[in-house]
Amino acid sequence: MSHPHPHSEHPPNTPFDPSHPHTHNSYDHDLTQLSATFSGDMAKTYSQRTGGVNIILANHLITLITPSLPPLTHPLRILDNACGPLVLTTQCLRSPTLTSHPFMHITAVDLSPDFVAANRALISSPSPSLYNTPGVKTDTAIMDSTDLGAFPDSTFDLSFTSLAIFALSSPVAGARELHRTLKPGGVTALTTWKRIDWLPLLHEVEEMLKPGEPKTRMPVLEPWQVPGKLAGTLRTGGFERVEEGEVEAVAWWEGVEEAAYWIVETLRMMVGRGWGAGERGRVEEGFRVVLGRGVEEGGDGLVVTDGEGRVGFRAVAFVGLGWK
């Protein structure tokens, strides 16, 4: 299997078969907890925690929607839905294809007040930036993706919802809102996780620390790891023309220490809210052992290396496109 150069922003669209670990439920992850995860410190350090995977997915979505863009003489109206820290907005503003249009107005919405506050501060900065250049308008608002009522029907040429549809209180209602707010001929692009290799790595750590005990699961993600789930949700939401595919990416950090720290910081907020300082330290040490062992074995298993000191893991996302 070919892999992208570790410094490339453009991963190959090469699917591979995920493993299906049979684990017991040791964490009942509900949607309220998941929504609360993306706030506070998480909002400030999101990109560091994801190892750049969110940027790879954003660039892939932009590439996929490019053939469906209106003519270059047409201004673009774009929705960055469940936007987090403006990753898709930023990559849109860096895209030569999108910025070739005479005017681009991007609205980024998220349910997290922390994300929106950070985004608003970035957008409103008096210093010249991507977000306030001529021919560009960028704004942001707190909004529930299942109720985009602030926008009239047929508002957007494009909309993006990356790694968020599974966290909505009603994914179908979210899909309906994406359909309603698109202009005729518009396209929406979404991603969900098919496989994230930090979970089997966590299982290795858990087996080291507590042999034989039930392993962590992510029940909120499991239904979305089935092919056709994302496409089916879009169809139920009103989209008649739908496509689903996969993209592989690698999350990278500068060495074992950094990788262990940020992986455990993310896990602490997602599945380890009850961890005390001692338990968090033991889990991080476990990850240092597991990641270090993976590096010693050549970095061709769950742990990957780039030959230049960077360490990471693979992830595979389902990608869904829907046209109105």
Protein backbone atom coordinates (compact mmCIF):
# COMPACT_ATOMS: atom_id res chain seq x y z
CA MET A 1 0.00 0.00 0.00
CA SER A 2 1.28 3.47 -0.82
CA HIS A 3 1.30 6.16 1.84
CA PRO A 4 1.60 9.92 1.51
CA HIS A 5 4.93 11.55 2.16
CA PRO A 6 4.67 12.54 5.83
CA HIS A 7 4.97 16.23 4.97
CA SER A 8 2.38 16.13 2.18
CA GLU A 9 -1.03 17.74 2.64
CA HIS A 10 -2.55 15.48 -0.03
CA PRO A 11 -3.11 11.87 1.10
CA PRO A 12 -3.88 9.09 -1.40
CA ASN A 13 -7.49 7.92 -1.57
CA THR A 14 -6.41 4.38 -0.79
CA PRO A 15 -8.88 2.33 1.27
CA PHE A 16 -7.80 -0.56 3.41
CA ASP A 17 -9.64 -3.08 5.55
CA PRO A 18 -9.98 -2.02 9.18
CA SER A 19 -9.65 -4.40 12.06
CA HIS A 20 -12.69 -5.03 14.22
CA PRO A 21 -11.52 -5.49 17.81
CA HIS A 22 -14.08 -7.27 19.97
CA THR A 23 -14.14 -5.23 23.13
CA HIS A 24 -16.49 -4.73 26.01
CA ASN A 25 -18.14 -1.47 26.92
CA SER A 26 -16.18 0.27 29.66
CA TYR A 27 -17.26 3.80 28.78
CA ASP A 28 -20.81 4.75 27.86
CA HIS A 29 -20.04 7.83 25.76
CA ASP A 30 -23.22 9.91 25.39
CA LEU A 31 -23.74 12.86 23.07
CA THR A 32 -23.86 15.43 25.85
CA GLN A 33 -20.38 14.42 26.98
CA LEU A 34 -19.11 14.41 23.42
CA SER A 35 -20.37 17.94 22.81
CA ALA A 36 -18.86 19.16 26.07
CA THR A 37 -15.50 17.64 25.10
CA PHE A 38 -14.92 20.27 22.42
CA SER A 39 -14.65 23.26 24.70
CA GLY A 40 -12.17 25.07 26.90
CA ASP A 41 -8.64 23.75 26.49
CA MET A 42 -9.73 21.39 23.70
CA ALA A 43 -10.75 24.40 21.60
CA LYS A 44 -7.28 25.96 22.04
CA THR A 45 -5.24 22.85 21.26
CA TYR A 46 -7.42 20.96 18.78
CA SER A 47 -4.95 20.87 15.90
CA GLN A 48 -2.10 19.71 18.14
CA ARG A 49 -4.29 16.94 19.50
CA THR A 50 -5.29 15.67 16.06
CA GLY A 51 -1.77 15.45 14.69
CA GLY A 52 -2.80 17.32 11.53
CA VAL A 53 -5.38 14.76 10.41
CA ASN A 54 -8.11 17.40 10.35
CA ILE A 55 -6.09 19.45 7.83
CA ILE A 56 -5.58 16.42 5.58
CA LEU A 57 -9.32 15.69 5.61
CA ALA A 58 -10.19 19.32 4.90
CA ASN A 59 -7.89 19.44 1.87
CA HIS A 60 -9.34 16.16 0.60
CA LEU A 61 -12.91 17.47 0.86
CA ILE A 62 -11.97 20.65 -1.02
CA THR A 63 -10.42 18.54 -3.79
CA LEU A 64 -13.54 16.39 -4.05
CA ILE A 65 -15.98 19.29 -4.37
CA THR A 66 -13.88 21.21 -6.91
CA PRO A 67 -15.55 19.65 -10.01
CA SER A 68 -18.95 20.80 -8.67
CA LEU A 69 -18.01 24.46 -8.20
CA PRO A 70 -20.03 27.13 -10.00
CA PRO A 71 -18.27 29.06 -12.81
CA LEU A 72 -15.24 31.13 -11.84
CA THR A 73 -17.23 34.30 -12.46
CA HIS A 74 -19.62 33.28 -9.66
CA PRO A 75 -19.05 34.42 -6.04
CA LEU A 76 -18.99 31.60 -3.49
CA ARG A 77 -21.14 31.25 -0.38
CA ILE A 78 -19.77 28.54 1.93
CA LEU A 79 -20.90 26.99 5.23
CA ASP A 80 -18.27 25.51 7.56
CA ASN A 81 -20.68 23.52 9.71
CA ALA A 82 -19.67 22.32 13.20
CA CYS A 83 -16.51 24.23 12.35
CA GLY A 84 -14.34 23.69 15.42
CA PRO A 85 -11.20 25.86 15.17
CA LEU A 86 -11.77 27.02 11.55
CA VAL A 87 -9.71 24.25 9.95
CA LEU A 88 -11.93 23.96 6.87
CA THR A 89 -12.41 27.71 6.65
CA THR A 90 -8.64 28.20 6.75
CA GLN A 91 -7.96 25.57 4.08
CA CYS A 92 -10.69 27.07 1.86
CA LEU A 93 -8.96 30.45 2.13
CA ARG A 94 -5.67 28.81 1.17
CA SER A 95 -7.15 27.05 -1.85
CA PRO A 96 -6.10 28.64 -5.16
CA THR A 97 -9.19 27.16 -6.80
CA LEU A 98 -11.67 28.64 -4.34
CA THR A 99 -9.93 31.99 -4.06
CA SER A 100 -9.98 32.33 -7.86
CA HIS A 101 -13.66 33.26 -7.54
CA PRO A 102 -14.33 37.02 -7.38
CA PHE A 103 -15.73 36.90 -3.85
CA MET A 104 -15.96 34.27 -1.13
CA HIS A 105 -18.16 34.53 1.96
CA ILE A 106 -17.65 31.78 4.55
CA THR A 107 -19.83 31.39 7.62
CA ALA A 108 -18.43 29.07 10.30
CA VAL A 109 -20.88 27.78 12.92
CA ASP A 110 -20.36 25.60 15.98
CA LEU A 111 -22.30 24.69 19.12
CA SER A 112 -19.24 25.30 21.33
CA PRO A 113 -19.04 28.87 22.69
CA ASP A 114 -15.31 28.37 23.28
CA PHE A 115 -14.63 27.54 19.65
CA VAL A 116 -16.75 30.44 18.41
CA ALA A 117 -15.12 32.90 20.82
CA ALA A 118 -11.65 31.86 19.68
CA ASN A 119 -12.73 32.00 16.04
CA ARG A 120 -14.29 35.44 16.44
CA ALA A 121 -11.08 36.79 17.99
CA LEU A 122 -9.07 35.40 15.08
CA ILE A 123 -11.43 36.75 12.41
CA SER A 124 -11.71 40.20 13.99
CA SER A 125 -7.97 40.71 14.46
CA PRO A 126 -6.89 44.09 13.07
CA SER A 127 -3.75 42.54 11.63
CA PRO A 128 -3.89 41.51 7.96
CA SER A 129 -4.70 37.81 7.64
CA LEU A 130 -6.39 35.21 5.49
CA TYR A 131 -9.68 36.08 7.12
CA ASN A 132 -9.88 39.76 6.17
CA THR A 133 -8.24 40.02 2.75
CA PRO A 134 -9.99 41.76 -0.16
CA GLY A 135 -12.60 39.55 -1.80
CA VAL A 136 -13.16 37.55 1.39
CA LYS A 137 -15.73 37.78 4.14
CA THR A 138 -15.58 35.41 7.12
CA ASP A 139 -17.97 35.31 10.06
CA THR A 140 -18.81 32.88 12.84
CA ALA A 141 -21.74 32.11 15.15
CA ILE A 142 -22.91 29.73 17.85
CA MET A 143 -25.41 27.45 16.17
CA ASP A 144 -26.84 23.94 16.51
CA SER A 145 -26.23 22.03 13.28
CA THR A 146 -29.65 20.39 13.56
CA ASP A 147 -31.31 23.83 13.32
CA LEU A 148 -29.68 26.23 10.87
CA GLY A 149 -32.77 28.41 10.95
CA ALA A 150 -30.75 31.61 10.79
CA PHE A 151 -30.13 30.79 7.12
CA PRO A 152 -32.87 30.96 4.48
CA ASP A 153 -33.43 28.08 2.07
CA SER A 154 -30.92 27.85 -0.78
CA THR A 155 -28.21 30.00 0.85
CA PHE A 156 -24.95 28.12 0.20
CA ASP A 157 -23.05 26.90 -2.84
CA LEU A 158 -20.97 24.56 -0.67
CA SER A 159 -21.11 23.20 2.86
CA PHE A 160 -18.70 21.11 4.90
CA THR A 161 -19.29 19.03 8.05
CA SER A 162 -16.09 17.23 9.03
CA LEU A 163 -16.02 14.68 11.89
CA ALA A 164 -19.22 15.99 13.44
CA ILE A 165 -22.39 14.41 12.01
CA PHE A 166 -22.15 11.48 14.45
CA ALA A 167 -22.10 13.90 17.41
CA LEU A 168 -25.37 15.64 16.52
CA SER A 169 -28.47 14.99 18.61
CA SER A 170 -30.20 14.06 15.32
CA PRO A 171 -27.88 13.35 12.39
CA VAL A 172 -30.85 13.08 10.01
CA ALA A 173 -32.10 16.53 11.09
CA GLY A 174 -28.59 17.82 10.46
CA ALA A 175 -28.60 16.30 6.98
CA ARG A 176 -32.00 17.85 6.24
CA GLU A 177 -30.67 21.27 7.23
CA LEU A 178 -27.66 20.83 4.95
CA HIS A 179 -30.03 19.97 2.10
CA ARG A 180 -32.40 22.85 2.85
CA THR A 181 -29.69 25.49 3.00
CA LEU A 182 -27.89 24.45 -0.20
CA LYS A 183 -28.66 26.18 -3.47
CA PRO A 184 -29.94 23.91 -6.27
CA GLY A 185 -26.86 22.29 -7.76
CA GLY A 186 -24.90 22.88 -4.54
CA VAL A 187 -22.80 20.20 -2.88
CA THR A 188 -22.20 19.20 0.73
CA ALA A 189 -19.17 17.20 1.93
CA LEU A 190 -18.88 15.29 5.21
CA THR A 191 -16.51 12.93 7.01
CA THR A 192 -16.93 10.35 9.76
CA TRP A 193 -14.44 7.93 11.26
CA LYS A 194 -14.16 4.40 9.92
CA ARG A 195 -11.04 3.54 11.88
CA ILE A 196 -8.77 5.39 14.32
CA ASP A 197 -5.74 3.43 15.46
CA TRP A 198 -5.45 5.14 18.83
CA LEU A 199 -8.24 2.84 20.03
CA PRO A 200 -6.39 -0.49 19.54
CA LEU A 201 -3.27 1.24 20.91
CA LEU A 202 -5.31 2.19 23.99
CA HIS A 203 -6.41 -1.43 24.29
CA GLU A 204 -2.74 -2.48 24.38
CA VAL A 205 -2.10 0.05 27.16
CA GLU A 206 -5.18 -1.11 29.09
CA GLU A 207 -4.04 -4.73 28.82
CA MET A 208 -0.65 -3.71 30.24
CA LEU A 209 -2.20 -1.83 33.15
CA LYS A 210 -5.23 -4.00 33.87
CA PRO A 211 -4.81 -7.41 32.21
CA GLY A 212 -8.02 -9.20 31.30
CA GLU A 213 -10.35 -6.35 32.17
CA PRO A 214 -12.93 -4.95 29.69
CA LYS A 215 -11.53 -2.56 27.12
CA THR A 216 -12.74 0.92 26.21
CA ARG A 217 -15.29 1.29 23.44
CA MET A 218 -16.70 4.33 21.63
CA PRO A 219 -20.37 3.41 21.16
CA VAL A 220 -21.22 6.78 19.59
CA LEU A 221 -18.81 6.05 16.70
CA GLU A 222 -19.54 2.37 16.14
CA PRO A 223 -22.70 2.72 13.99
CA TRP A 224 -20.81 5.13 11.71
CA GLN A 225 -17.97 2.69 11.07
CA VAL A 226 -20.25 0.67 8.78
CA PRO A 227 -20.08 1.38 5.02
CA GLY A 228 -23.23 3.11 3.78
CA LYS A 229 -24.23 4.71 7.09
CA LEU A 230 -23.07 8.20 6.05
CA ALA A 231 -24.56 7.91 2.55
CA GLY A 232 -27.82 6.59 3.97
CA THR A 233 -28.08 9.52 6.38
CA LEU A 234 -27.65 11.97 3.51
CA ARG A 235 -30.34 10.21 1.48
CA THR A 236 -32.75 10.24 4.40
CA GLY A 237 -32.01 13.95 4.75
CA GLY A 238 -33.24 14.61 1.21
CA PHE A 239 -30.20 14.16 -1.03
CA GLU A 240 -30.94 12.06 -4.10
CA ARG A 241 -27.44 12.04 -5.60
CA VAL A 242 -24.98 10.76 -3.00
CA GLU A 243 -21.48 9.31 -3.13
CA GLU A 244 -19.44 7.69 -0.36
CA GLY A 245 -15.74 6.87 -0.33
CA GLU A 246 -12.78 6.57 2.02
CA VAL A 247 -9.56 8.43 2.67
CA GLU A 248 -6.57 7.40 4.76
CA ALA A 249 -4.50 9.87 6.75
CA VAL A 250 -1.72 9.74 9.33
CA ALA A 251 -1.63 11.75 12.55
CA TRP A 252 1.96 12.86 13.17
CA TRP A 253 3.82 14.15 16.21
CA GLU A 254 7.48 14.98 16.82
CA GLY A 255 8.54 11.82 18.60
CA VAL A 256 7.18 9.36 21.14
CA GLU A 257 7.00 11.82 24.05
CA GLU A 258 4.90 14.37 22.15
CA ALA A 259 2.68 11.69 20.63
CA ALA A 260 1.99 10.05 24.00
CA TYR A 261 1.21 13.39 25.63
CA TRP A 262 -1.29 14.63 23.05
CA ILE A 263 -2.97 11.26 22.51
CA VAL A 264 -3.53 10.90 26.25
CA GLU A 265 -4.70 14.50 26.60
CA THR A 266 -7.36 13.85 23.98
CA LEU A 267 -8.34 10.50 25.50
CA ARG A 268 -8.60 12.11 28.92
CA MET A 269 -11.28 14.47 27.64
CA MET A 270 -13.08 11.86 25.54
CA VAL A 271 -12.95 8.66 27.60
CA GLY A 272 -10.99 9.45 30.75
CA ARG A 273 -12.94 12.13 32.57
CA GLY A 274 -12.67 10.14 35.79
CA TRP A 275 -8.89 9.79 35.63
CA GLY A 276 -6.93 11.25 38.49
CA ALA A 277 -3.42 12.60 38.00
CA GLY A 278 -1.92 9.24 38.91
CA GLU A 279 -4.01 7.25 36.46
CA ARG A 280 -3.41 9.77 33.67
CA GLY A 281 0.33 9.45 34.30
CA ARG A 282 0.16 5.66 34.15
CA VAL A 283 -1.77 5.76 30.86
CA GLU A 284 0.73 8.20 29.34
CA GLU A 285 3.64 6.01 30.43
CA GLY A 286 1.81 3.03 28.89
CA PHE A 287 1.52 4.89 25.60
CA ARG A 288 5.22 5.75 25.69
CA VAL A 289 5.96 2.03 26.03
CA VAL A 290 3.52 0.97 23.29
CA LEU A 291 4.59 3.72 20.88
CA GLY A 292 8.28 3.12 21.59
CA ARG A 293 7.83 -0.60 20.94
CA GLY A 294 6.11 0.23 17.64
CA VAL A 295 9.03 2.43 16.61
CA GLU A 296 11.53 -0.33 17.48
CA GLU A 297 9.53 -2.77 15.34
CA GLY A 298 9.96 -0.53 12.32
CA GLY A 299 6.85 1.61 12.46
CA ASP A 300 4.83 -0.51 10.02
CA GLY A 301 2.04 -1.69 12.33
CA LEU A 302 -0.39 0.37 14.38
CA VAL A 303 2.46 2.80 15.05
CA VAL A 304 3.99 4.52 12.00
CA THR A 305 7.23 6.47 11.61
CA ASP A 306 8.60 8.70 8.85
CA GLY A 307 12.32 8.00 9.25
CA GLU A 308 12.86 11.57 10.44
CA GLY A 309 11.85 11.18 14.07
CA ARG A 310 8.11 11.65 13.71
CA VAL A 311 5.67 9.13 15.18
CA GLY A 312 1.98 8.65 14.56
CA PHE A 313 -0.92 6.36 13.73
CA ARG A 314 -3.21 5.81 10.79
CA ALA A 315 -6.83 6.81 10.54
CA VAL A 316 -9.42 6.11 7.88
CA ALA A 317 -12.44 8.32 7.31
CA PHE A 318 -15.60 7.79 5.33
CA VAL A 319 -16.26 10.71 3.01
CA GLY A 320 -19.79 11.54 1.88
CA LEU A 321 -20.89 13.93 -0.87
CA GLY A 322 -24.46 15.02 -1.51
CA TRP A 323 -25.78 17.19 -4.34
CA LYS A 324 -29.03 19.14 -4.27
